[in-house]
Protein backbone atom coordinates (compact mmCIF):
# COMPACT_ATOMS: atom_id res chain seq x y z
CA UNK A 1 0.00 -0.24 0.14
CA UNK A 2 2.61 1.96 0.88
CA UNK A 3 3.87 2.08 -2.95
CA UNK A 4 0.79 2.64 -4.01
CA UNK A 5 0.36 5.71 -2.02
CA UNK A 6 3.27 7.31 -2.70
CA UNK A 7 2.54 6.96 -6.41
CA UNK A 8 -0.25 9.50 -5.62
CA UNK A 9 2.97 12.33 -5.31
CA UNK A 10 6.30 12.95 -5.20
CA UNK A 11 6.23 14.31 -1.98
CA UNK A 12 8.09 12.23 1.25
CA UNK A 13 6.76 13.28 3.87
CA UNK A 14 8.96 12.62 7.05
CA UNK A 15 6.12 14.52 9.31
CA UNK A 16 3.09 12.64 9.98
CA UNK A 17 0.30 13.93 11.95
CA UNK A 18 -2.70 12.37 13.76
CA UNK A 19 -5.74 14.99 14.14
CA UNK A 20 -8.22 14.07 16.82
CA UNK A 21 -11.13 16.02 17.86
CA UNK A 22 -10.28 19.77 18.02
CA UNK A 23 -7.73 19.57 15.57
CA UNK A 24 -9.47 18.68 12.32
CA UNK A 25 -9.26 22.69 11.14
CA UNK A 26 -5.21 22.47 10.44
CA UNK A 27 -6.42 20.72 7.23
CA UNK A 28 -7.41 23.43 6.11
CA UNK A 29 -3.43 24.81 6.22
CA UNK A 30 -2.13 22.20 4.03
CA UNK A 31 -1.94 22.25 0.31
CA UNK A 32 -2.41 18.95 -0.47
CA UNK A 33 -1.08 17.46 -3.15
CA UNK A 34 -2.82 14.16 -2.96
CA UNK A 35 -5.91 12.97 -0.35
CA UNK A 36 -7.31 9.63 -0.24
CA UNK A 37 -10.79 8.71 1.94
CA UNK A 38 -10.00 6.13 4.39
CA UNK A 39 -12.71 3.67 3.10
CA UNK A 40 -10.35 3.34 0.13
CA UNK A 41 -7.64 3.01 1.40
CA UNK A 42 -6.96 -1.10 2.35
CA UNK A 43 -6.86 -1.88 6.10
CA UNK A 44 -8.51 1.19 7.02
CA UNK A 45 -11.54 1.65 8.75
CA UNK A 46 -13.42 4.86 8.58
CA UNK A 47 -14.42 6.28 11.62
CA UNK A 48 -17.65 6.98 13.15
CA UNK A 49 -17.07 9.03 15.73
CA UNK A 50 -18.30 13.35 15.13
CA UNK A 51 -15.54 15.54 14.62
CA UNK A 52 -13.53 12.15 12.58
CA UNK A 53 -13.51 13.10 9.29
CA UNK A 54 -11.31 9.99 7.91
CA UNK A 55 -8.92 10.93 5.47
CA UNK A 56 -5.26 11.01 4.61
CA UNK A 57 -3.67 13.85 3.18
CA UNK A 58 -0.22 14.24 1.55
CA UNK A 59 1.39 17.49 0.95
CA UNK A 60 2.96 21.00 2.78
CA UNK A 61 2.02 22.58 5.93
CA UNK A 62 4.14 25.38 5.78
CA UNK A 63 7.35 25.07 4.64
CA UNK A 64 7.18 21.08 6.33
CA UNK A 65 6.03 18.00 3.55
CA UNK A 66 3.42 16.18 5.90
CA UNK A 67 0.88 13.25 5.72
CA UNK A 68 -1.70 13.66 8.11
CA UNK A 69 -4.64 11.75 8.90
CA UNK A 70 -7.49 13.02 9.69
CA UNK A 71 -9.50 11.22 12.51
CA UNK A 72 -8.58 8.26 13.86
CA UNK A 73 -10.29 4.33 14.80
CA UNK A 74 -11.03 4.26 18.41
CA UNK A 75 -10.65 0.83 20.41
CA UNK A 76 -14.47 1.20 21.46
CA UNK A 77 -15.57 1.08 18.04
CA UNK A 78 -15.26 -2.34 18.49
CA UNK A 79 -12.48 -2.91 16.42
CA UNK A 80 -9.27 -5.26 17.64
CA UNK A 81 -6.13 -2.70 18.53
CA UNK A 82 -4.17 -4.15 15.76
CA UNK A 83 -6.71 -2.74 13.05
CA UNK A 84 -6.95 0.58 15.49
CA UNK A 85 -3.09 1.05 14.91
CA UNK A 86 -2.69 -0.29 11.57
CA UNK A 87 -2.40 3.20 9.93
CA UNK A 88 0.43 4.32 11.98
CA UNK A 89 2.21 1.02 10.49
CA UNK A 90 1.25 2.66 6.82
CA UNK A 91 2.95 5.81 8.29
CA UNK A 92 6.26 4.28 9.31
CA UNK A 93 6.14 1.91 5.60
CA UNK A 94 5.50 5.67 3.86
CA UNK A 95 9.35 6.93 5.59
CA UNK A 96 7.45 9.32 8.39
CA UNK A 97 10.21 9.31 11.01
CA UNK A 98 8.31 11.70 13.31
CA UNK A 99 4.93 11.47 14.66
CA UNK A 100 2.79 13.92 16.22
CA UNK A 101 -0.41 12.64 17.90
CA UNK A 102 -3.67 15.22 19.00
CA UNK A 103 -6.58 14.15 20.95
CA UNK A 104 -9.60 15.82 23.00
CA UNK A 105 -9.33 15.03 26.67
CA UNK A 106 -10.96 15.73 29.96
CA UNK A 107 -8.62 17.73 32.29
CA UNK A 108 -8.22 16.23 35.77
CA UNK A 109 -5.44 18.54 37.02
CA UNK A 110 -7.20 21.78 38.46
CA UNK A 111 -4.72 23.76 36.32
CA UNK A 112 -6.25 22.73 32.99
CA UNK A 113 -8.97 24.45 32.11
CA UNK A 114 -11.41 24.11 28.64
CA UNK A 115 -9.41 25.64 25.99
CA UNK A 116 -5.75 24.79 27.42
CA UNK A 117 -3.87 22.75 25.74
CA UNK A 118 -1.20 19.90 27.07
CA UNK A 119 2.01 18.90 25.67
CA UNK A 120 2.28 15.30 27.07
CA UNK A 121 5.14 14.08 28.74
CA UNK A 122 4.80 10.59 29.81
CA UNK A 123 1.03 8.22 29.94
CA UNK A 124 -0.56 5.73 31.49
CA UNK A 125 -2.40 2.83 29.90
CA UNK A 126 -5.34 2.30 31.48
CA UNK A 127 -7.19 0.32 28.27
CA UNK A 128 -6.96 -3.22 29.82
CA UNK A 129 -4.86 -3.51 26.50
CA UNK A 130 -1.62 -3.74 24.10
CA UNK A 131 -1.62 -2.81 20.25
CA UNK A 132 1.58 -5.73 20.67
CA UNK A 133 -0.12 -8.14 22.17
CA UNK A 134 -0.49 -10.90 19.03
CA UNK A 135 1.66 -12.67 16.53
CA UNK A 136 5.36 -10.85 16.48
CA UNK A 137 5.62 -8.41 13.64
CA UNK A 138 8.81 -9.45 12.15
CA UNK A 139 12.03 -7.35 12.23
CA UNK A 140 10.44 -5.54 14.97
CA UNK A 141 11.23 -5.99 18.81
CA UNK A 142 7.82 -7.68 20.87
CA UNK A 143 9.30 -5.69 24.02
CA UNK A 144 9.01 -2.10 23.25
CA UNK A 145 10.97 0.69 25.79
CA UNK A 146 8.81 3.20 27.03
CA UNK A 147 11.24 4.92 29.04
CA UNK A 148 10.77 8.01 26.96
CA UNK A 149 7.86 7.46 24.73
CA UNK A 150 7.52 11.45 23.87
CA UNK A 151 10.69 13.18 22.44
CA UNK A 152 11.91 15.61 24.70
CA UNK A 153 13.54 17.64 21.46
CA UNK A 154 10.11 17.77 19.75
CA UNK A 155 8.46 18.24 23.56
CA UNK A 156 10.53 21.87 23.60
CA UNK A 157 9.86 22.73 19.80
CA UNK A 158 6.25 22.86 20.76
CA UNK A 159 6.33 24.91 23.17
CA UNK A 160 8.39 27.34 21.83
CA UNK A 161 5.57 26.92 19.66
CA UNK A 162 3.56 27.79 22.19
CA UNK A 163 5.25 30.91 23.07
CA UNK A 164 5.83 31.98 19.83
CA UNK A 165 1.53 32.13 18.87
CA UNK A 166 0.61 32.62 22.64
CA UNK A 167 -1.18 29.50 22.80
CA UNK A 168 -1.20 28.56 26.54
CA UNK A 169 0.23 24.81 26.72
CA UNK A 170 0.47 23.21 29.85
CA UNK A 171 2.45 19.99 30.29
CA UNK A 172 1.58 16.29 32.03
CA UNK A 173 0.62 12.75 31.51
CA UNK A 174 -2.25 11.60 29.72
CA UNK A 175 -3.80 8.48 31.17
CA UNK A 176 -5.87 6.30 28.38
CA UNK A 177 -9.08 4.22 29.08
CA UNK A 178 -10.75 2.39 26.95
CA UNK A 179 -14.29 4.18 27.45
CA UNK A 180 -16.71 5.04 25.56
CA UNK A 181 -18.53 5.86 28.87
CA UNK A 182 -17.21 8.58 30.40
CA UNK A 183 -15.79 8.27 33.67
CA UNK A 184 -16.78 8.34 37.35
CA UNK A 185 -15.63 10.71 40.03
CA UNK A 186 -14.06 8.04 42.26
CA UNK A 187 -12.12 6.96 39.12
CA UNK A 188 -11.14 10.47 37.99
CA UNK A 189 -9.80 10.74 41.75
CA UNK A 190 -7.96 7.71 41.71
CA UNK A 191 -6.18 9.13 38.22
CA UNK A 192 -5.49 12.25 40.11
CA UNK A 193 -3.95 9.62 43.05
CA UNK A 194 -1.54 7.85 39.88
CA UNK A 195 -0.53 11.20 38.59
CA UNK A 196 -2.42 11.83 36.17
CA UNK A 197 -3.11 15.26 34.50
CA UNK A 198 -5.74 14.45 31.38
CA UNK A 199 -7.90 11.57 31.07
CA UNK A 200 -8.85 10.72 27.35
CA UNK A 201 -9.51 7.02 25.10
CA UNK A 202 -7.11 7.36 22.10
CA UNK A 203 -3.69 7.76 21.66
CA UNK A 204 -1.69 5.74 23.60
CA UNK A 205 -1.89 2.49 21.35
CA UNK A 206 -0.75 5.15 18.57
CA UNK A 207 2.14 6.06 20.87
CA UNK A 208 3.03 2.15 21.48
CA UNK A 209 3.44 0.74 18.06
CA UNK A 210 4.88 4.04 16.66
CA UNK A 211 7.98 3.19 18.84
CA UNK A 212 8.10 0.09 18.09
CA UNK A 213 8.00 1.25 14.22
CA UNK A 214 11.31 3.41 15.45
CA UNK A 215 9.12 6.75 15.03
CA UNK A 216 10.45 10.22 17.15
CA UNK A 217 6.68 10.76 19.08
CA UNK A 218 5.26 14.15 20.47
CA UNK A 219 1.74 14.43 21.83
CA UNK A 220 -0.64 17.80 22.36
CA UNK A 221 -4.02 17.26 23.88
CA UNK A 222 -7.04 19.84 23.82
CA UNK A 223 -8.35 20.10 27.56
CA UNK A 224 -12.20 20.22 26.07
CA UNK A 225 -14.21 19.53 29.32
CA UNK A 226 -13.23 19.38 32.89
CA UNK A 227 -13.24 15.47 34.34
CA UNK A 228 -16.07 13.81 35.76
CA UNK A 229 -16.90 15.69 39.10
CA UNK A 230 -14.43 18.20 38.83
CA UNK A 231 -17.50 20.31 37.65
CA UNK A 232 -21.22 20.52 37.73
CA UNK A 233 -22.23 20.58 34.24
CA UNK A 234 -23.15 16.92 32.99
CA UNK A 235 -20.02 15.62 30.87
CA UNK A 236 -20.91 15.31 26.94
CA UNK A 237 -19.58 14.88 22.94
CA UNK A 238 -21.39 17.97 22.23
CA UNK A 239 -19.54 19.88 24.93
CA UNK A 240 -16.22 18.10 23.35
CA UNK A 241 -16.93 19.43 19.88
CA UNK A 242 -18.21 23.13 21.01
CA UNK A 243 -14.73 23.77 23.10
CA UNK A 244 -12.65 22.35 19.67
CA UNK A 245 -14.39 24.44 17.44
CA UNK A 246 -13.73 27.48 19.74
CA UNK A 247 -9.94 26.61 19.93
CA UNK A 248 -9.88 25.42 16.11
CA UNK A 249 -7.50 28.87 15.28
CA UNK A 250 -4.94 28.21 18.29
CA UNK A 251 -4.54 24.22 17.94
CA UNK A 252 -4.11 25.20 13.68
CA UNK A 253 -1.61 27.97 14.76
CA UNK A 254 0.23 25.83 17.53
CA UNK A 255 0.89 22.99 14.65
CA UNK A 256 1.65 25.26 11.98
CA UNK A 257 4.16 26.87 13.79
CA UNK A 258 5.58 23.50 15.50
CA UNK A 259 5.95 22.31 11.79
CA UNK A 260 7.82 25.38 10.67
CA UNK A 261 10.47 25.32 13.12
CA UNK A 262 10.55 21.13 12.69
CA UNK A 263 11.61 22.20 8.84
CA UNK A 264 14.41 24.62 9.81
CA UNK A 265 15.47 21.98 12.44
CA UNK A 266 15.48 19.13 9.92
CA UNK A 267 16.75 20.01 6.23
CA UNK A 268 15.37 17.01 4.82
CA UNK A 269 11.60 17.86 6.26
């Protein structure tokens, strides 16, 4: 499949983007050389969650060549982890060497407010499953070291991009749960004691597979709501979508500036 995708355009992207809830508007800034719906890509499954378009775009974001996945499949949609994370393996086969993941998350840490962004420094996997379970991938290690899952250098680039665009970017630990139900207040209190700052239902499986494939990884959360028990307001996916739309310009500015800085750092970007 990688050869077929590369035949669509002459670009050879070094940087991959997975655009979750709150980040779909970033695609408006991509000078698209090729675009393919997920449903036309063998092995891909079209996501059914609002806010996830299900498109692969190859093109230029600022000065950097990128391949962007607008939307993602979630484990709670009923598919095996190997299917959920298959797009990451395709990105690696395309020659991507750096992966920037984005998502919408609930704020656990009192410092985080809806509309803030959080750079992930580490994660806690409470999804109850690991995407590397099953037959070993030929040529790849089964026992992936996650001591430094999130690349510090990329983290510094994100922080610099946030300062230059005046985007409020915190740092913290992301805890991943399977969903699709939201967490209980008791669970959120437990997560806080474990050291989690934000909670969501994605990203961690993709990070694990990306690290197995040797990709450098960074991740950014859009804090779209306060976690259960942190607010009197009932939790809903509509709140996630509303906050995402409200901060779309900030999300786009942050990622566009990051790609500009990335292209300066890597001459072949």
